[in-house]
Protein backbone atom coordinates (compact mmCIF):
# COMPACT_ATOMS: atom_id res chain seq x y z
CA MET A 1 -0.15 0.17 -0.13
CA MET A 2 1.49 3.21 -0.59
CA ILE A 3 0.84 6.36 0.91
CA CYS A 4 0.43 9.81 -0.77
CA ARG A 5 3.64 11.64 0.73
CA MET A 6 1.95 15.01 0.37
CA VAL A 7 -0.65 15.07 2.65
CA ASP A 8 0.78 16.14 6.58
CA ALA A 9 1.16 13.46 8.96
CA SER A 10 -1.50 15.44 11.54
CA LEU A 11 -4.40 15.37 8.44
CA ILE A 12 -3.58 11.86 8.46
CA SER A 13 -3.79 11.12 12.23
CA ALA A 14 -6.63 13.66 12.98
CA LYS A 15 -9.08 11.82 10.34
CA PHE A 16 -7.69 8.20 12.51
CA HIS A 17 -8.54 9.20 15.90
CA ASN A 18 -12.05 11.07 14.06
CA THR A 19 -12.85 7.93 12.58
CA ILE A 20 -12.19 6.02 15.75
CA ALA A 21 -14.24 8.54 17.93
CA ARG A 22 -17.10 8.23 15.57
CA ALA A 23 -16.99 4.39 15.97
CA ILE A 24 -17.14 4.61 19.75
CA LEU A 25 -20.12 7.05 19.07
CA GLU A 26 -21.68 4.66 16.86
CA VAL A 27 -21.65 1.47 19.38
CA SER A 28 -22.78 3.55 22.41
CA GLU A 29 -25.95 4.93 20.36
CA ARG A 30 -26.78 0.95 19.69
CA ILE A 31 -26.29 -0.20 23.27
CA ARG A 32 -28.34 3.07 24.66
CA ARG A 33 -30.97 2.05 22.04
CA ARG A 34 -30.91 -1.40 22.66
CA HIS A 35 -30.33 -1.41 26.42
CA SER A 36 -31.38 1.42 27.31
CA LEU A 37 -28.20 2.25 29.18
CA ASN A 38 -27.16 5.74 29.53
CA LYS A 39 -23.63 6.19 30.81
CA VAL A 40 -20.42 5.59 29.15
CA VAL A 41 -17.07 4.64 30.58
CA LEU A 42 -13.98 5.34 28.64
CA SER A 43 -11.04 3.37 30.25
CA GLY A 44 -7.52 1.85 28.95
CA GLY A 45 -5.03 2.85 27.66
CA VAL A 46 -6.29 4.20 24.20
CA PHE A 47 -7.79 7.09 26.35
CA GLN A 48 -4.54 8.04 27.31
CA ASN A 49 -4.63 10.12 24.19
CA LYS A 50 -5.53 13.47 24.93
CA TYR A 51 -6.94 14.47 21.34
CA LEU A 52 -8.98 10.88 21.49
CA LEU A 53 -10.48 11.59 25.00
CA GLU A 54 -11.28 15.23 23.99
CA LYS A 55 -12.87 14.45 20.71
CA GLN A 56 -14.84 11.25 22.16
CA THR A 57 -16.11 13.44 25.43
CA GLN A 58 -17.68 16.31 23.22
CA LEU A 59 -19.39 13.67 20.72
CA LEU A 60 -20.64 12.05 24.12
CA VAL A 61 -21.41 15.35 25.69
CA ASP A 62 -23.22 16.13 22.38
CA LYS A 63 -25.14 13.28 22.10
CA GLU A 64 -26.11 13.69 25.84
CA LEU A 65 -24.27 10.08 26.30
């Protein structure tokens, strides 16, 4: 697989982390609908990543999860 060297690494990183955050949000919403759970706990080493933690928290707050 070839990666275009014309794309800034920070842009690639942001897109990756935004995708992960949206996936977590979608799963959280499904669990909420199926099981009527309204709390989300973020744990594990991945949430040592400040950008991902802040992005995820904001998405969950915006959706009132």
